[in-house]
Protein backbone atom coordinates (compact mmCIF):
# COMPACT_ATOMS: atom_id res chain seq x y z
CA MET A 1 0.00 0.00 0.00
CA LYS A 2 2.83 2.39 0.84
CA ARG A 3 4.47 1.71 -2.51
CA THR A 4 1.19 2.50 -4.31
CA ALA A 5 0.81 5.80 -2.45
CA LEU A 6 4.36 6.81 -3.35
CA GLN A 7 3.76 5.92 -6.97
CA GLY A 8 0.55 7.94 -7.04
CA SER A 9 2.32 10.98 -5.62
CA ALA A 10 5.13 10.70 -8.17
CA PHE A 11 2.76 10.29 -11.13
CA TRP A 12 0.73 13.36 -10.13
CA GLY A 13 3.92 15.27 -9.46
CA ALA A 14 5.28 14.36 -12.90
CA ALA A 15 2.03 15.30 -14.66
CA PHE A 16 1.92 18.71 -13.00
CA MET A 17 5.66 19.24 -13.40
CA MET A 18 5.10 19.02 -17.15
CA ALA A 19 1.79 20.90 -17.19
CA THR A 20 2.76 23.83 -14.98
CA SER A 21 6.15 24.11 -16.70
CA ALA A 22 4.22 24.59 -19.94
CA MET A 23 1.70 27.01 -18.39
CA GLY A 24 4.26 29.75 -17.93
CA PRO A 25 4.44 33.45 -18.86
CA GLY A 26 5.33 32.53 -22.45
CA PHE A 27 2.24 30.32 -22.58
CA LEU A 28 0.04 33.25 -21.50
CA THR A 29 1.74 35.71 -23.85
CA GLN A 30 1.79 33.43 -26.90
CA THR A 31 -1.85 32.34 -26.53
CA SER A 32 -3.09 35.91 -26.15
CA PHE A 33 -0.84 37.22 -28.92
CA PHE A 34 -1.89 34.67 -31.53
CA THR A 35 -5.58 34.87 -30.59
CA GLY A 36 -5.34 38.60 -31.24
CA GLN A 37 -3.83 37.88 -34.66
CA LEU A 38 -5.88 34.86 -35.78
CA GLY A 39 -9.13 35.19 -33.85
CA ALA A 40 -11.28 32.06 -33.67
CA SER A 41 -9.04 30.29 -36.22
CA PHE A 42 -6.40 29.98 -33.52
CA GLY A 43 -8.61 27.22 -32.10
CA PHE A 44 -7.48 24.99 -34.98
CA VAL A 45 -3.85 25.56 -34.03
CA ILE A 46 -4.66 24.61 -30.43
CA LEU A 47 -6.55 21.48 -31.47
CA PHE A 48 -3.79 20.39 -33.86
CA SER A 49 -1.13 21.09 -31.23
CA ILE A 50 -2.90 18.93 -28.62
CA VAL A 51 -2.70 15.91 -30.94
CA ILE A 52 1.00 16.59 -31.55
CA ASP A 53 1.62 17.11 -27.84
CA ILE A 54 0.07 13.77 -26.90
CA VAL A 55 2.16 11.81 -29.41
CA VAL A 56 5.36 13.63 -28.43
CA GLN A 57 4.85 13.16 -24.70
CA LEU A 58 3.86 9.53 -24.93
CA ASN A 59 6.96 8.76 -27.00
CA ILE A 60 9.39 10.55 -24.70
CA TRP A 61 7.86 9.44 -21.39
CA ARG A 62 7.62 5.80 -22.49
CA ILE A 63 11.22 5.75 -23.77
CA VAL A 64 12.76 7.42 -20.71
CA SER A 65 10.70 5.41 -18.20
CA GLY A 66 11.03 2.14 -20.11
CA CYS A 67 14.82 2.41 -20.42
CA GLY A 68 15.33 3.83 -16.94
CA LEU A 69 17.82 6.39 -18.28
CA PRO A 70 17.74 10.16 -18.80
CA ALA A 71 17.22 11.19 -22.40
CA GLN A 72 20.81 12.31 -22.99
CA ASP A 73 22.20 8.91 -21.92
CA ILE A 74 19.82 7.13 -24.28
CA VAL A 75 20.90 9.35 -27.19
CA ASN A 76 24.58 8.83 -26.32
CA ARG A 77 24.05 5.13 -27.02
CA LEU A 78 23.14 6.05 -30.60
CA LEU A 79 26.27 8.17 -31.10
CA PRO A 80 28.69 9.04 -28.27
CA GLY A 81 28.57 12.77 -27.67
CA LEU A 82 25.22 13.29 -29.42
CA GLY A 83 23.43 13.09 -26.10
CA TRP A 84 25.62 15.87 -24.70
CA PHE A 85 24.79 17.97 -27.75
CA LEU A 86 21.11 17.40 -26.98
CA SER A 87 21.84 18.41 -23.39
CA LEU A 88 23.41 21.65 -24.60
CA LEU A 89 20.37 22.46 -26.76
CA VAL A 90 17.90 21.73 -23.97
CA PHE A 91 20.01 23.58 -21.41
CA LEU A 92 20.30 26.72 -23.56
CA GLY A 93 16.61 26.55 -24.51
CA GLY A 94 15.73 26.16 -20.83
CA LEU A 95 17.90 29.14 -19.99
CA ALA A 96 16.11 31.26 -22.61
CA PHE A 97 12.75 30.26 -21.16
CA ASN A 98 13.95 30.79 -17.61
CA ILE A 99 14.87 34.40 -18.29
CA GLY A 100 11.38 34.99 -19.69
CA ASN A 101 9.82 33.07 -16.80
CA LEU A 102 11.52 35.32 -14.26
CA ALA A 103 10.45 38.35 -16.28
CA GLY A 104 6.86 37.09 -16.10
CA ALA A 105 7.06 36.44 -12.36
CA ALA A 106 8.47 39.93 -11.83
CA LEU A 107 5.76 41.51 -13.97
CA GLY A 108 3.04 39.63 -12.11
CA LEU A 109 4.35 40.62 -8.70
CA GLN A 110 4.60 44.24 -9.85
CA VAL A 111 0.92 44.19 -10.85
CA ILE A 112 -0.05 42.72 -7.46
CA THR A 113 2.11 44.95 -5.25
CA GLY A 114 3.36 47.84 -7.37
CA MET A 115 6.99 47.08 -6.54
CA ASP A 116 9.87 47.55 -8.99
CA THR A 117 10.26 44.60 -11.37
CA ARG A 118 13.93 44.21 -10.44
CA ILE A 119 13.07 43.69 -6.78
CA ALA A 120 10.14 41.45 -7.76
CA ALA A 121 12.45 39.28 -9.90
CA LEU A 122 14.92 38.88 -7.04
CA ILE A 123 12.17 37.94 -4.56
CA SER A 124 10.74 35.38 -6.99
CA ALA A 125 14.20 33.90 -7.67
CA VAL A 126 14.97 33.54 -3.97
CA LEU A 127 11.61 31.81 -3.37
CA VAL A 128 12.25 29.28 -6.14
CA ILE A 129 15.79 28.60 -4.91
CA TRP A 130 14.42 27.95 -1.43
CA LEU A 131 11.82 25.50 -2.80
CA LEU A 132 14.40 23.59 -4.83
CA VAL A 133 17.25 23.37 -2.33
CA ALA A 134 15.37 23.04 0.98
CA PRO A 135 15.17 19.63 2.75
CA HIS A 136 12.50 17.31 1.29
CA ALA A 137 12.48 19.51 -1.81
CA ARG A 138 10.92 16.88 -4.08
CA LYS A 139 7.71 16.59 -2.06
CA ARG A 140 7.59 20.36 -1.52
CA VAL A 141 7.98 21.01 -5.26
CA ASP A 142 5.29 18.45 -6.18
CA LEU A 143 2.78 20.10 -3.85
CA ALA A 144 3.69 23.56 -5.10
CA MET A 145 3.32 22.58 -8.75
CA ILE A 146 -0.06 20.91 -8.20
CA GLY A 147 -1.38 23.88 -6.20
CA LEU A 148 -0.11 26.47 -8.67
CA GLY A 149 -1.54 24.54 -11.62
CA ILE A 150 -5.03 24.26 -10.14
CA ALA A 151 -5.05 27.91 -9.06
CA LYS A 152 -4.01 29.18 -12.51
CA ILE A 153 -6.72 27.17 -14.25
CA GLY A 154 -9.39 28.30 -11.77
CA LEU A 155 -8.62 32.02 -12.11
CA THR A 156 -8.37 31.84 -15.91
CA ALA A 157 -11.70 29.98 -16.04
CA TYR A 158 -13.35 32.93 -14.29
CA VAL A 159 -11.96 35.40 -16.84
CA ALA A 160 -13.02 33.14 -19.73
CA LEU A 161 -16.54 32.99 -18.26
CA VAL A 162 -16.99 36.77 -17.99
CA SER A 163 -15.40 37.56 -21.36
CA GLY A 164 -18.42 36.30 -23.31
CA ALA A 165 -16.53 34.38 -25.99
CA PRO A 166 -18.52 33.29 -29.08
CA LEU A 167 -18.37 29.56 -28.40
CA ALA A 168 -20.09 28.47 -31.61
CA GLU A 169 -17.64 30.41 -33.77
CA ALA A 170 -14.70 29.11 -31.73
CA LEU A 171 -15.82 25.51 -32.28
CA HIS A 172 -16.52 26.07 -35.98
CA ARG A 173 -13.16 27.72 -36.71
CA SER A 174 -11.32 25.10 -34.68
CA ILE A 175 -12.43 22.60 -37.33
CA GLN A 176 -12.60 24.87 -40.38
CA PRO A 177 -10.10 27.71 -39.86
CA GLU A 178 -10.07 30.75 -42.11
CA THR A 179 -6.28 30.71 -42.04
CA ILE A 180 -3.49 28.43 -40.76
CA ASP A 181 -0.39 30.04 -39.31
CA TRP A 182 2.50 27.55 -39.22
CA LYS A 183 4.66 29.85 -37.11
CA ALA A 184 1.87 29.93 -34.54
CA LEU A 185 1.76 26.12 -34.55
CA ILE A 186 5.52 25.75 -34.06
CA THR A 187 5.50 28.39 -31.34
CA ILE A 188 2.55 26.87 -29.47
CA VAL A 189 3.94 23.32 -29.71
CA GLY A 190 7.32 24.66 -28.61
CA GLY A 191 5.71 26.44 -25.69
CA THR A 192 3.84 23.31 -24.57
CA VAL A 193 6.23 20.41 -25.22
CA GLY A 194 9.28 22.01 -26.80
CA GLY A 195 12.79 22.12 -25.38
CA TYR A 196 12.99 21.15 -21.73
CA ILE A 197 9.21 20.89 -21.23
CA CYS A 198 8.78 17.55 -23.02
CA PHE A 199 11.35 16.00 -20.65
CA ALA A 200 10.15 17.65 -17.42
CA GLY A 201 7.65 14.99 -16.37
CA ALA A 202 9.67 12.04 -17.72
CA HIS A 203 12.79 13.05 -15.81
CA ARG A 204 10.66 13.68 -12.71
CA LEU A 205 9.40 10.08 -12.87
CA LEU A 206 12.94 8.86 -13.45
CA ALA A 207 14.15 10.67 -10.32
CA SER A 208 11.47 8.79 -8.36
CA GLY A 209 12.78 5.44 -9.58
CA ILE A 210 9.56 4.58 -11.43
CA THR A 211 10.90 2.79 -14.48
CA GLY A 212 10.85 -0.48 -16.36
CA PRO A 213 8.18 -3.04 -17.19
CA GLY A 214 4.79 -2.82 -15.51
CA THR A 215 4.58 0.98 -15.37
CA GLU A 216 3.39 1.60 -18.94
CA LYS A 217 -0.28 2.29 -18.17
CA GLU A 218 0.47 4.69 -15.35
CA VAL A 219 3.14 6.47 -17.41
CA ASN A 220 0.62 6.90 -20.24
CA ARG A 221 -1.99 8.21 -17.82
CA SER A 222 0.40 10.66 -16.21
CA ALA A 223 1.62 12.00 -19.56
CA ILE A 224 -1.89 12.48 -20.94
CA THR A 225 -3.04 14.07 -17.67
CA GLY A 226 -0.24 16.60 -18.00
CA ILE A 227 -1.14 17.40 -21.61
CA PHE A 228 -4.84 17.83 -20.93
CA THR A 229 -4.16 19.95 -17.86
CA ALA A 230 -1.99 22.34 -19.88
CA SER A 231 -4.41 22.21 -22.81
CA SER A 232 -7.40 23.10 -20.63
CA MET A 233 -5.56 26.23 -19.52
CA ARG A 234 -4.75 27.03 -23.17
CA VAL A 235 -8.39 26.66 -24.23
CA LEU A 236 -9.67 28.80 -21.34
CA LEU A 237 -7.19 31.57 -22.10
CA PHE A 238 -8.03 31.36 -25.82
CA LEU A 239 -11.72 31.79 -25.02
CA ALA A 240 -10.99 34.71 -22.69
CA ALA A 241 -8.92 36.44 -25.40
CA LEU A 242 -11.46 35.60 -28.11
CA GLY A 243 -14.24 37.16 -26.06
CA VAL A 244 -12.25 40.40 -26.05
CA VAL A 245 -11.13 40.50 -29.70
CA SER A 246 -14.58 39.47 -30.96
CA GLN A 247 -15.80 42.83 -29.64
CA GLY A 248 -13.44 44.59 -32.03
CA ILE A 249 -10.89 45.38 -29.35
CA GLN A 250 -7.28 45.15 -30.50
CA LEU A 251 -5.00 43.71 -27.84
CA ASP A 252 -1.98 45.66 -26.68
CA ASN A 253 0.94 43.74 -28.20
CA SER A 254 3.30 45.08 -25.53
CA ASN A 255 1.44 42.87 -23.01
CA PRO A 256 -1.45 41.02 -24.68
CA ALA A 257 -2.18 38.67 -21.77
CA ALA A 258 -2.61 41.55 -19.31
CA ASP A 259 -4.91 43.31 -21.78
CA VAL A 260 -7.11 40.20 -22.06
CA PHE A 261 -7.68 40.07 -18.31
CA LEU A 262 -8.17 43.86 -18.09
CA GLN A 263 -10.63 44.11 -20.98
CA ALA A 264 -12.58 41.02 -19.88
CA ALA A 265 -12.90 41.73 -16.15
CA GLY A 266 -11.77 45.31 -15.53
CA ASN A 267 -9.46 46.22 -12.67
CA ILE A 268 -10.26 43.00 -10.84
CA GLY A 269 -9.23 41.09 -13.97
CA TYR A 270 -5.99 43.03 -14.13
CA ARG A 271 -5.16 42.06 -10.55
CA LEU A 272 -6.04 38.45 -11.35
CA PHE A 273 -3.65 38.67 -14.27
CA GLY A 274 -0.90 39.67 -11.85
CA ILE A 275 -1.61 36.66 -9.67
CA VAL A 276 -1.80 34.24 -12.61
CA MET A 277 1.32 35.70 -14.23
CA TRP A 278 3.32 35.46 -11.02
CA MET A 279 2.23 31.86 -10.40
CA ALA A 280 2.97 31.01 -14.04
CA GLY A 281 6.45 32.50 -13.73
CA ILE A 282 7.24 30.72 -10.47
CA SER A 283 6.05 27.30 -11.65
CA SER A 284 7.91 27.55 -14.94
CA VAL A 285 11.14 28.67 -13.28
CA ILE A 286 10.91 25.56 -11.10
CA GLY A 287 10.26 23.27 -14.07
CA SER A 288 12.84 24.88 -16.33
CA SER A 289 15.58 24.89 -13.69
CA TYR A 290 14.92 21.34 -12.48
CA THR A 291 14.79 19.85 -15.98
CA SER A 292 17.67 21.84 -17.47
CA ILE A 293 19.98 20.78 -14.64
CA SER A 294 18.84 17.15 -15.04
CA PHE A 295 20.49 17.25 -18.49
CA VAL A 296 23.89 18.28 -17.13
CA ARG A 297 23.76 16.49 -13.78
CA ASN A 298 26.12 13.72 -14.89
CA ILE A 299 28.36 15.80 -17.13
CA HIS A 300 30.98 16.19 -14.39
CA PRO A 301 31.36 14.89 -10.79
CA VAL A 302 31.41 18.46 -9.50
CA VAL A 303 27.93 19.08 -10.90
CA THR A 304 26.69 15.80 -9.43
CA ARG A 305 28.05 16.61 -5.96
CA HIS A 306 26.84 20.20 -5.95
CA GLU A 307 23.57 19.88 -7.86
CA LYS A 308 21.63 22.21 -5.56
CA GLY A 309 24.33 24.85 -5.83
CA VAL A 310 24.27 24.57 -9.63
CA LEU A 311 20.49 24.99 -9.54
CA ALA A 312 20.84 28.17 -7.52
CA ILE A 313 23.51 29.55 -9.89
CA PHE A 314 21.32 28.74 -12.91
CA ILE A 315 18.40 30.69 -11.44
CA LEU A 316 20.53 33.62 -10.30
CA PHE A 317 22.22 33.87 -13.71
CA SER A 318 18.79 33.94 -15.39
CA THR A 319 17.78 36.73 -13.02
CA VAL A 320 20.84 38.81 -13.84
CA VAL A 321 20.25 38.42 -17.60
CA PHE A 322 16.65 39.56 -17.18
CA LEU A 323 17.73 42.60 -15.16
CA VAL A 324 20.16 43.57 -17.94
CA ALA A 325 18.16 42.59 -21.04
CA GLY A 326 14.49 43.43 -20.46
CA LYS A 327 11.88 43.16 -23.28
CA PRO A 328 10.01 40.16 -21.76
CA VAL A 329 7.16 39.84 -24.30
CA GLN A 330 9.45 39.58 -27.34
CA LEU A 331 11.69 37.16 -25.45
CA LEU A 332 8.77 34.93 -24.44
CA VAL A 333 7.47 34.56 -28.01
CA TRP A 334 11.01 34.01 -29.35
CA ALA A 335 11.80 31.37 -26.70
CA GLY A 336 8.72 29.34 -27.66
CA THR A 337 9.73 29.39 -31.31
CA VAL A 338 13.33 28.34 -30.56
CA ASN A 339 12.20 25.47 -28.35
CA GLY A 340 9.82 24.40 -31.10
CA PHE A 341 12.86 23.95 -33.35
CA ILE A 342 14.63 21.83 -30.71
CA LEU A 343 11.68 19.44 -30.35
CA PRO A 344 11.85 17.60 -33.73
CA PHE A 345 15.59 16.97 -33.34
CA ALA A 346 15.20 15.65 -29.78
CA LEU A 347 12.33 13.35 -30.68
CA LEU A 348 14.05 12.06 -33.83
CA VAL A 349 17.34 11.12 -32.15
CA LEU A 350 15.53 9.44 -29.25
CA LEU A 351 13.52 7.29 -31.66
CA LEU A 352 16.60 6.41 -33.69
CA ALA A 353 18.41 5.41 -30.51
CA VAL A 354 15.64 3.26 -29.11
CA TYR A 355 15.16 1.34 -32.38
CA SER A 356 18.80 0.99 -33.44
CA LYS A 357 20.40 -0.03 -30.14
CA LYS A 358 19.59 -2.55 -27.44
CA MET A 359 18.06 -0.66 -24.55
CA PRO A 360 18.23 -1.36 -20.79
CA ASN A 361 15.40 -3.42 -19.25
CA ASN A 362 15.06 -5.02 -22.73
CA TYR A 363 12.76 -2.13 -23.52
CA GLN A 364 10.88 -2.36 -26.82
CA HIS A 365 9.12 0.78 -27.93
CA PRO A 366 5.61 0.29 -29.42
CA ARG A 367 5.87 0.40 -33.20
CA TRP A 368 2.68 2.45 -33.71
CA LEU A 369 3.92 5.05 -31.26
CA GLY A 370 7.33 5.19 -32.91
CA ILE A 371 5.87 5.61 -36.40
CA THR A 372 3.54 8.44 -35.39
CA GLY A 373 6.36 10.07 -33.44
CA LEU A 374 8.70 9.84 -36.43
CA LEU A 375 6.11 11.38 -38.75
CA ILE A 376 5.54 14.27 -36.35
CA ALA A 377 9.27 14.82 -35.86
CA LEU A 378 9.82 14.98 -39.63
CA ALA A 379 6.81 17.24 -40.18
CA LEU A 380 7.84 19.67 -37.43
CA GLY A 381 11.39 19.66 -38.72
CA TRP A 382 10.20 20.47 -42.25
CA ILE A 383 7.97 23.30 -41.00
CA SER A 384 10.82 24.68 -38.88
CA ILE A 385 13.22 24.69 -41.85
CA ARG A 386 10.63 26.41 -44.03
CA LEU A 387 10.13 29.11 -41.40
CA LEU A 388 13.89 29.64 -41.14
CA LEU A 389 14.20 30.04 -44.92
CA LEU A 390 11.28 32.47 -45.26
């Protein structure tokens, strides 16, 4: 019975580690920004992205859990050194997101309290460091991620309700869009399962020792729970933004998410935006930092011995870059796009590794899952190359 309870806690923790990592400031900004540009047709992008997200997550979670190895070690079996290259990509992508996440947390805290964003960023960074390095951090982080995820969805649901979105049009255009924006698709997929995010839950399960045969159903359930949790937040925010733009109101591109909450629910909505934005920033800093460091944990014994110190340095460095760089909205949209480019490479090399080399635990990846994953990796890679050449 005790083993079952521990497993249940880890599976929920992994699901919300992935979901709340995705539901960050970039998530809020990108969803609001593209709804303002595409209107109800953005629903098609969301629907299409959910299908992609499910296939991507199931592939990565099943491979990592089935093999009982972190993703970079699996890829290193395909070609020595390739896994470390993947680690570098994920680490740098996570760093880019982390800077934007701290910017979002600072912006949210400024809306709530009126304090300077620099002070707000430092306070948020110190809180996250305390959560990640304190004793019993794993349990503390799981509880924090679950609580933050539920709270963000609840507050956004209220704003979606009062915005008066045209539900019939949203449903119609989600199936028959007036226009399809491939950059929006890559950005949204990148913001939900791109870069570090697609590995957040899988590496969380791995850290709990839940691997090998007999865990497949629970791994599937945890992965899909994470996707649908993040997707429910995306849909609610889309409806909130659509309710605003359908009235002919043009969102402020300097901070589209804040404008959605303000236009939909007035000053109360604006304060709610501050709360949601701060929680989104905090949860994503936790997920980004934890997962990014999991990719370099074994790169050198010093990192292994001083993992908590490296975590703290990673967060503090992100804070310093934000204080120097600024421009959070542009950074958040750009980070989602960059991580969308990383995703097809990461998925492709993992699939090549798991099918071309003998894996630990005699793991055999389901053929149907591998084929659909390969098709999505190739399609996303082709779209990414096209966008780069345009």
